[in-house]
Amino acid sequence: MTISAALPAAETVIDWSAALTRAAIHGGIAVGVAIALHFVIFAAATRATRFSASEVGDLVFARLRRPVLFLMVAVAISVAAEGNALIAKAWHIAGRFVEPALFGWVLFTLVKAFAAALEARTAAYEDEMAARSRRTRIAIFSRTAGFVIVFITVALVLFGIPAVRSIGTTLLASAGVISLAFGVAAQPALKSLIAGIQIAITEPIRIGDFVVVEGENGRVEDIRLSYVVIRTADERRVIVPTAKFLDGSFQNWTRAGGGINGSVVLPIKPGHPIQPMREAYEALLAANPDWDKRTGSLQVAEVQVGSVELKLVMSAAGPTALARLRPAMREAMLEWLRENMPHALCDQA
């Protein structure tokens, strides 16, 4: 075989060059029109949102700008493929992956943008309980929708591969076996998903609640589909499976709202008057800004040989305020006893 026979003819090269040039021109025009149209649409939308007092529009458009741009470019290339065979041939291969991926990206971004916008509006709520309840539902439902969108998008992209599509068609012929296998394999994920939806509806916990689970206490920082993040007082993060809040028992100190109660036990020696201590405690409690004035009393909790246990009952608006109030009142009462009744202090106090 000679070298000249292996090379394509000059006419063929010219035809290829002309076809590539036409495809590049058509594709470039389509992409340019898509970019220009995207700029005009979002410029008009941004200007329209300036006349609105709400920041929801700005937040949504800011997040949608990039995925919508890529989607419009893909649509423009798809339209250009109708009039150019070379673009159509290339887009037939790439489009089956690109189109579902871009549509999924846009839907996922749209859900997250609206969730962020709705969550931002909860800052204006005067009722803290209603705000935390709304934030919890927004977080769970948006993540559930995002999970479904990602799952369907990945499935559509995979089914764009001919080999995967043929395998999927063969497997779907045995629907009973596949359903059983899928149910067994996906049981943990489905259980977590259902548990997350149940928490959003029944609200045994909300973002911001103060809970006690397996001896660990802290505030609910985040609720995911499969786990809940609890932030403790020493800034540790305890990860608890979502299903545990439905299958087991736990304490929720802020479930009903209206503040939180706490107490401090103070042992003293018997034989000393209680009323002066009660009056001193009430005066010290009233002077502390963390006390919410709901509950405040000094009670004799227990009497033992050689000691009397005084229970200092107090209340605060939330766990953080109570965490400051309890040690402050313990210290204040010990200082008052040291100055006014030093003989009343027990050795262990």
Protein backbone atom coordinates (compact mmCIF):
# COMPACT_ATOMS: atom_id res chain seq x y z
CA MET A 1 0.00 0.00 0.00
CA THR A 2 1.40 3.40 -0.95
CA ILE A 3 1.33 6.47 1.29
CA SER A 4 -0.83 8.37 -1.17
CA ALA A 5 -3.43 5.60 -1.09
CA ALA A 6 -3.64 5.74 2.72
CA LEU A 7 -4.29 9.51 2.79
CA PRO A 8 -7.83 10.84 2.19
CA ALA A 9 -8.49 12.63 -1.04
CA ALA A 10 -8.29 16.40 -1.20
CA GLU A 11 -12.02 16.64 -1.92
CA THR A 12 -12.79 14.63 1.22
CA VAL A 13 -10.59 16.86 3.37
CA ILE A 14 -12.31 19.92 1.95
CA ASP A 15 -15.72 18.44 2.65
CA TRP A 16 -14.73 17.63 6.25
CA SER A 17 -13.35 21.11 6.74
CA ALA A 18 -16.48 22.68 5.35
CA ALA A 19 -18.71 20.47 7.52
CA LEU A 20 -16.68 21.28 10.65
CA THR A 21 -16.74 24.99 9.80
CA ARG A 22 -20.52 24.98 9.34
CA ALA A 23 -20.96 23.03 12.60
CA ALA A 24 -18.70 25.46 14.46
CA ILE A 25 -20.56 28.46 13.04
CA HIS A 26 -23.99 27.03 13.81
CA GLY A 27 -22.91 25.91 17.28
CA GLY A 28 -21.19 29.23 18.01
CA ILE A 29 -24.25 31.21 16.96
CA ALA A 30 -26.51 29.01 19.08
CA VAL A 31 -24.27 29.33 22.14
CA GLY A 32 -23.92 33.08 21.62
CA VAL A 33 -27.69 33.55 21.38
CA ALA A 34 -28.19 31.44 24.51
CA ILE A 35 -25.63 33.46 26.49
CA ALA A 36 -27.12 36.76 25.30
CA LEU A 37 -30.65 35.61 26.10
CA HIS A 38 -29.52 34.43 29.52
CA PHE A 39 -27.91 37.82 30.21
CA VAL A 40 -31.05 39.71 29.19
CA ILE A 41 -33.41 37.49 31.20
CA PHE A 42 -31.38 37.62 34.40
CA ALA A 43 -30.64 41.34 34.02
CA ALA A 44 -34.37 42.01 33.76
CA ALA A 45 -35.13 39.67 36.65
CA THR A 46 -32.46 41.27 38.83
CA ARG A 47 -33.80 44.73 38.09
CA ALA A 48 -37.34 43.59 38.88
CA THR A 49 -36.29 42.18 42.25
CA ARG A 50 -34.81 45.56 43.24
CA PHE A 51 -38.32 46.96 43.50
CA SER A 52 -39.28 44.19 45.93
CA ALA A 53 -38.71 44.56 49.65
CA SER A 54 -38.08 40.83 49.97
CA GLU A 55 -34.64 39.32 49.38
CA VAL A 56 -36.09 36.01 48.21
CA GLY A 57 -35.86 36.89 44.52
CA ASP A 58 -32.22 37.97 44.76
CA LEU A 59 -31.31 34.77 46.58
CA VAL A 60 -33.09 32.50 44.11
CA PHE A 61 -31.76 34.22 40.98
CA ALA A 62 -28.22 34.32 42.36
CA ARG A 63 -28.18 30.57 42.85
CA LEU A 64 -29.93 29.76 39.56
CA ARG A 65 -27.73 31.94 37.37
CA ARG A 66 -25.01 29.37 36.60
CA PRO A 67 -27.08 26.16 36.17
CA VAL A 68 -29.64 27.97 34.01
CA LEU A 69 -26.83 29.31 31.82
CA PHE A 70 -25.51 25.80 31.13
CA LEU A 71 -29.04 24.51 30.56
CA MET A 72 -29.82 27.26 28.05
CA VAL A 73 -26.56 26.54 26.23
CA ALA A 74 -27.49 22.84 26.07
CA VAL A 75 -30.95 23.69 24.73
CA ALA A 76 -29.40 25.99 22.11
CA ILE A 77 -27.03 23.24 20.97
CA SER A 78 -29.97 20.84 20.79
CA VAL A 79 -31.85 23.32 18.58
CA ALA A 80 -28.75 23.79 16.39
CA ALA A 81 -28.53 20.01 16.01
CA GLU A 82 -31.85 20.07 14.16
CA GLY A 83 -30.23 21.93 11.28
CA ASN A 84 -26.74 20.43 11.27
CA ALA A 85 -26.03 16.72 10.87
CA LEU A 86 -22.56 16.85 12.44
CA ILE A 87 -23.83 18.61 15.58
CA ALA A 88 -26.76 16.21 15.68
CA LYS A 89 -24.44 13.21 15.57
CA ALA A 90 -22.25 14.54 18.40
CA TRP A 91 -25.20 15.73 20.48
CA HIS A 92 -26.95 12.37 20.11
CA ILE A 93 -24.09 10.85 22.10
CA ALA A 94 -23.47 13.64 24.61
CA GLY A 95 -27.04 14.86 25.03
CA ARG A 96 -28.29 11.69 26.71
CA PHE A 97 -25.92 12.41 29.62
CA VAL A 98 -25.81 16.21 29.59
CA GLU A 99 -29.53 16.97 29.40
CA PRO A 100 -30.73 14.95 32.44
CA ALA A 101 -27.70 16.08 34.44
CA LEU A 102 -28.39 19.75 33.73
CA PHE A 103 -32.13 19.46 34.39
CA GLY A 104 -31.35 17.70 37.67
CA TRP A 105 -28.83 20.41 38.57
CA VAL A 106 -31.38 23.15 37.91
CA LEU A 107 -34.12 21.42 39.94
CA PHE A 108 -31.71 20.67 42.80
CA THR A 109 -30.50 24.29 42.87
CA LEU A 110 -34.07 25.57 42.69
CA VAL A 111 -35.10 23.48 45.71
CA LYS A 112 -32.07 24.61 47.72
CA ALA A 113 -32.57 28.25 46.72
CA PHE A 114 -36.21 28.31 47.79
CA ALA A 115 -35.30 26.48 51.00
CA ALA A 116 -32.64 29.10 51.78
CA ALA A 117 -35.07 31.90 50.97
CA LEU A 118 -37.80 30.47 53.19
CA GLU A 119 -35.32 29.89 55.99
CA ALA A 120 -34.12 33.48 55.71
CA ARG A 121 -37.69 34.69 56.18
CA THR A 122 -37.99 32.82 59.48
CA ALA A 123 -35.60 35.37 61.01
CA ALA A 124 -38.53 37.80 61.10
CA TYR A 125 -40.63 35.46 63.25
CA GLU A 126 -41.23 36.74 66.75
CA ASP A 127 -42.29 33.31 68.00
CA GLU A 128 -39.07 31.32 68.50
CA MET A 129 -40.93 27.99 68.62
CA ALA A 130 -42.64 28.67 65.29
CA ALA A 131 -39.33 29.75 63.74
CA ARG A 132 -37.50 26.60 64.87
CA SER A 133 -40.39 24.44 63.71
CA ARG A 134 -40.36 26.07 60.28
CA ARG A 135 -36.58 25.75 59.95
CA THR A 136 -36.76 22.06 60.81
CA ARG A 137 -39.44 21.32 58.22
CA ILE A 138 -37.68 23.35 55.53
CA ALA A 139 -34.39 21.54 56.18
CA ILE A 140 -35.88 18.04 56.12
CA PHE A 141 -38.23 18.49 53.17
CA SER A 142 -35.60 20.27 51.06
CA ARG A 143 -33.07 17.51 51.72
CA THR A 144 -35.66 14.86 50.94
CA ALA A 145 -36.51 16.56 47.65
CA GLY A 146 -32.80 16.95 46.88
CA PHE A 147 -32.20 13.26 47.54
CA VAL A 148 -35.05 12.28 45.19
CA ILE A 149 -33.81 14.65 42.46
CA VAL A 150 -30.25 13.33 42.67
CA PHE A 151 -31.45 9.72 42.66
CA ILE A 152 -33.65 10.21 39.57
CA THR A 153 -30.96 12.24 37.79
CA VAL A 154 -28.30 9.58 38.31
CA ALA A 155 -30.76 6.91 37.14
CA LEU A 156 -31.54 8.85 33.95
CA VAL A 157 -27.85 9.44 33.23
CA LEU A 158 -27.04 5.76 33.73
CA PHE A 159 -29.92 4.68 31.55
CA GLY A 160 -28.44 6.87 28.81
CA ILE A 161 -25.67 4.27 28.51
CA PRO A 162 -26.87 1.56 26.08
CA ALA A 163 -25.23 -1.27 28.03
CA VAL A 164 -26.79 -0.14 31.30
CA ARG A 165 -30.15 0.34 29.59
CA SER A 166 -30.13 -3.20 28.23
CA ILE A 167 -29.17 -4.60 31.62
CA GLY A 168 -31.91 -2.54 33.26
CA THR A 169 -34.49 -3.80 30.77
CA THR A 170 -33.45 -7.38 31.45
CA LEU A 171 -33.59 -6.87 35.19
CA LEU A 172 -36.99 -5.20 35.07
CA ALA A 173 -38.35 -8.38 33.49
CA SER A 174 -37.86 -9.97 36.91
CA ALA A 175 -39.69 -7.22 38.80
CA GLY A 176 -40.58 -9.34 41.80
CA VAL A 177 -37.02 -10.45 42.50
CA ILE A 178 -35.62 -6.98 41.88
CA SER A 179 -38.19 -5.36 44.16
CA LEU A 180 -37.32 -7.78 46.94
CA ALA A 181 -33.57 -7.29 46.49
CA PHE A 182 -33.91 -3.52 46.28
CA GLY A 183 -36.09 -3.46 49.36
CA VAL A 184 -33.55 -5.44 51.38
CA ALA A 185 -30.57 -3.42 50.14
CA ALA A 186 -32.22 -0.04 50.55
CA GLN A 187 -33.90 -0.74 53.89
CA PRO A 188 -31.50 1.41 56.00
CA ALA A 189 -31.70 4.33 53.56
CA LEU A 190 -35.48 4.11 53.27
CA LYS A 191 -35.81 3.83 57.05
CA SER A 192 -33.74 6.98 57.52
CA LEU A 193 -35.70 8.79 54.80
CA ILE A 194 -39.03 7.85 56.35
CA ALA A 195 -37.74 8.75 59.83
CA GLY A 196 -36.69 12.18 58.58
CA ILE A 197 -40.13 12.81 57.07
CA GLN A 198 -41.81 11.64 60.30
CA ILE A 199 -39.67 14.02 62.34
CA ALA A 200 -40.66 16.90 60.04
CA ILE A 201 -44.35 16.08 60.45
CA THR A 202 -44.60 15.02 64.10
CA GLU A 203 -41.74 17.25 65.36
CA PRO A 204 -40.43 15.27 68.34
CA ILE A 205 -37.31 17.43 67.93
CA ARG A 206 -36.62 20.69 66.15
CA ILE A 207 -33.47 22.55 65.20
CA GLY A 208 -32.47 24.46 68.32
CA ASP A 209 -34.09 22.08 70.84
CA PHE A 210 -32.12 21.07 73.93
CA VAL A 211 -32.15 17.26 74.19
CA VAL A 212 -30.60 14.50 76.26
CA VAL A 213 -29.79 11.27 74.36
CA GLU A 214 -27.82 8.37 75.85
CA GLY A 215 -26.43 10.55 78.60
CA GLU A 216 -25.28 13.29 76.19
CA ASN A 217 -27.07 16.62 76.38
CA GLY A 218 -26.87 19.52 73.98
CA ARG A 219 -28.69 21.58 71.41
CA VAL A 220 -29.90 20.14 68.09
CA GLU A 221 -27.66 21.85 65.54
CA ASP A 222 -28.76 20.12 62.35
CA ILE A 223 -31.21 17.42 61.22
CA ARG A 224 -30.22 15.32 58.23
CA LEU A 225 -32.09 12.48 56.56
CA SER A 226 -29.89 9.84 58.18
CA TYR A 227 -28.55 11.51 61.33
CA VAL A 228 -28.99 14.38 63.77
CA VAL A 229 -26.13 16.61 64.92
CA ILE A 230 -26.20 17.59 68.60
CA ARG A 231 -23.80 20.27 69.81
CA THR A 232 -22.79 19.87 73.46
CA ALA A 233 -21.79 22.61 75.88
CA ASP A 234 -18.08 21.85 75.34
CA GLU A 235 -18.51 22.27 71.55
CA ARG A 236 -18.46 18.55 70.74
CA ARG A 237 -20.75 17.24 68.00
CA VAL A 238 -22.67 14.08 68.82
CA ILE A 239 -24.00 12.24 65.76
CA VAL A 240 -27.21 10.31 66.47
CA PRO A 241 -29.07 8.23 63.83
CA THR A 242 -32.38 9.80 62.88
CA ALA A 243 -34.32 6.59 63.46
CA LYS A 244 -33.19 6.53 67.11
CA PHE A 245 -35.45 9.47 67.89
CA LEU A 246 -38.43 7.40 66.76
CA ASP A 247 -37.38 3.97 68.03
CA GLY A 248 -36.04 4.98 71.46
CA SER A 249 -36.75 7.44 74.24
CA PHE A 250 -34.94 10.72 74.82
CA GLN A 251 -35.42 13.95 76.73
CA ASN A 252 -36.44 17.19 75.01
CA TRP A 253 -36.20 20.05 77.48
CA THR A 254 -37.56 22.68 75.10
CA ARG A 255 -40.34 20.67 73.44
CA ALA A 256 -43.17 22.83 74.78
CA GLY A 257 -41.29 26.12 74.89
CA GLY A 258 -41.68 28.73 77.58
CA GLY A 259 -38.14 28.46 78.94
CA ILE A 260 -36.27 25.79 80.84
CA ASN A 261 -35.90 24.97 84.54
CA GLY A 262 -32.83 23.88 86.46
CA SER A 263 -31.57 23.49 90.01
CA VAL A 264 -28.45 23.46 92.14
CA VAL A 265 -28.01 21.40 95.31
CA LEU A 266 -26.19 23.16 98.15
CA PRO A 267 -25.38 21.21 101.36
CA ILE A 268 -25.20 23.08 104.69
CA LYS A 269 -24.82 22.09 108.31
CA PRO A 270 -28.06 21.57 110.26
CA GLY A 271 -29.16 24.00 112.95
CA HIS A 272 -29.07 27.20 110.90
CA PRO A 273 -32.13 29.27 109.91
CA ILE A 274 -33.36 28.69 106.36
CA GLN A 275 -35.43 31.85 105.83
CA PRO A 276 -32.45 34.28 105.65
CA MET A 277 -30.86 32.01 103.06
CA ARG A 278 -34.11 31.94 101.08
CA GLU A 279 -34.38 35.73 101.11
CA ALA A 280 -30.73 36.09 100.10
CA TYR A 281 -31.16 33.59 97.25
CA GLU A 282 -34.25 35.33 95.92
CA ALA A 283 -32.47 38.70 95.98
CA LEU A 284 -29.39 37.32 94.23
CA LEU A 285 -31.56 35.53 91.65
CA ALA A 286 -33.54 38.70 90.89
CA ALA A 287 -30.29 40.56 90.22
CA ASN A 288 -29.10 38.02 87.62
CA PRO A 289 -30.09 38.98 84.01
CA ASP A 290 -30.26 35.31 82.89
CA TRP A 291 -33.22 34.59 85.17
CA ASP A 292 -36.51 34.81 83.26
CA LYS A 293 -38.57 35.35 86.46
CA ARG A 294 -40.76 32.28 85.96
CA THR A 295 -39.46 29.99 88.69
CA GLY A 296 -37.16 30.76 91.58
CA SER A 297 -37.23 29.21 95.04
CA LEU A 298 -35.07 27.68 97.75
CA GLN A 299 -36.31 24.30 98.98
CA VAL A 300 -35.10 21.84 101.58
CA ALA A 301 -34.53 18.83 99.38
CA GLU A 302 -33.19 16.30 101.89
CA VAL A 303 -32.09 16.08 105.51
CA GLN A 304 -29.25 13.74 106.46
CA VAL A 305 -27.10 13.19 109.51
CA GLY A 306 -24.67 16.09 109.56
CA SER A 307 -26.05 17.97 106.54
CA VAL A 308 -29.13 19.56 105.04
CA GLU A 309 -29.43 19.74 101.24
CA LEU A 310 -30.87 22.97 99.90
CA LYS A 311 -32.24 22.87 96.36
CA LEU A 312 -31.90 26.16 94.50
CA VAL A 313 -34.60 26.08 91.83
CA MET A 314 -34.31 28.54 88.94
CA SER A 315 -35.48 29.07 85.36
CA ALA A 316 -34.06 30.65 82.23
CA ALA A 317 -35.21 31.40 78.72
CA GLY A 318 -33.03 28.69 77.16
CA PRO A 319 -30.30 26.12 77.79
CA THR A 320 -27.49 28.59 77.17
CA ALA A 321 -28.84 31.06 79.72
CA LEU A 322 -29.45 28.25 82.20
CA ALA A 323 -25.89 27.01 81.75
CA ARG A 324 -24.69 30.45 82.84
CA LEU A 325 -27.28 30.90 85.59
CA ARG A 326 -26.68 27.67 87.53
CA PRO A 327 -22.94 28.12 88.30
CA ALA A 328 -23.46 31.85 88.87
CA MET A 329 -26.09 31.23 91.54
CA ARG A 330 -24.04 28.47 93.16
CA GLU A 331 -21.07 30.82 93.42
CA ALA A 332 -23.23 33.73 94.65
CA MET A 333 -24.81 31.65 97.42
CA LEU A 334 -21.47 30.23 98.55
CA GLU A 335 -20.07 33.75 98.73
CA TRP A 336 -23.09 34.95 100.70
CA LEU A 337 -22.79 32.05 103.15
CA ARG A 338 -19.07 32.71 103.56
CA GLU A 339 -19.74 36.34 104.47
CA ASN A 340 -22.93 35.96 106.53
CA MET A 341 -23.07 32.34 107.80
CA PRO A 342 -19.59 30.85 107.51
CA HIS A 343 -20.35 28.15 110.07
CA ALA A 344 -23.24 26.87 107.90
CA LEU A 345 -20.94 25.65 105.14
CA CYS A 346 -20.31 21.93 105.05
CA ASP A 347 -16.82 20.65 104.38
CA GLN A 348 -17.87 19.17 101.01
CA ALA A 349 -19.51 22.45 99.92
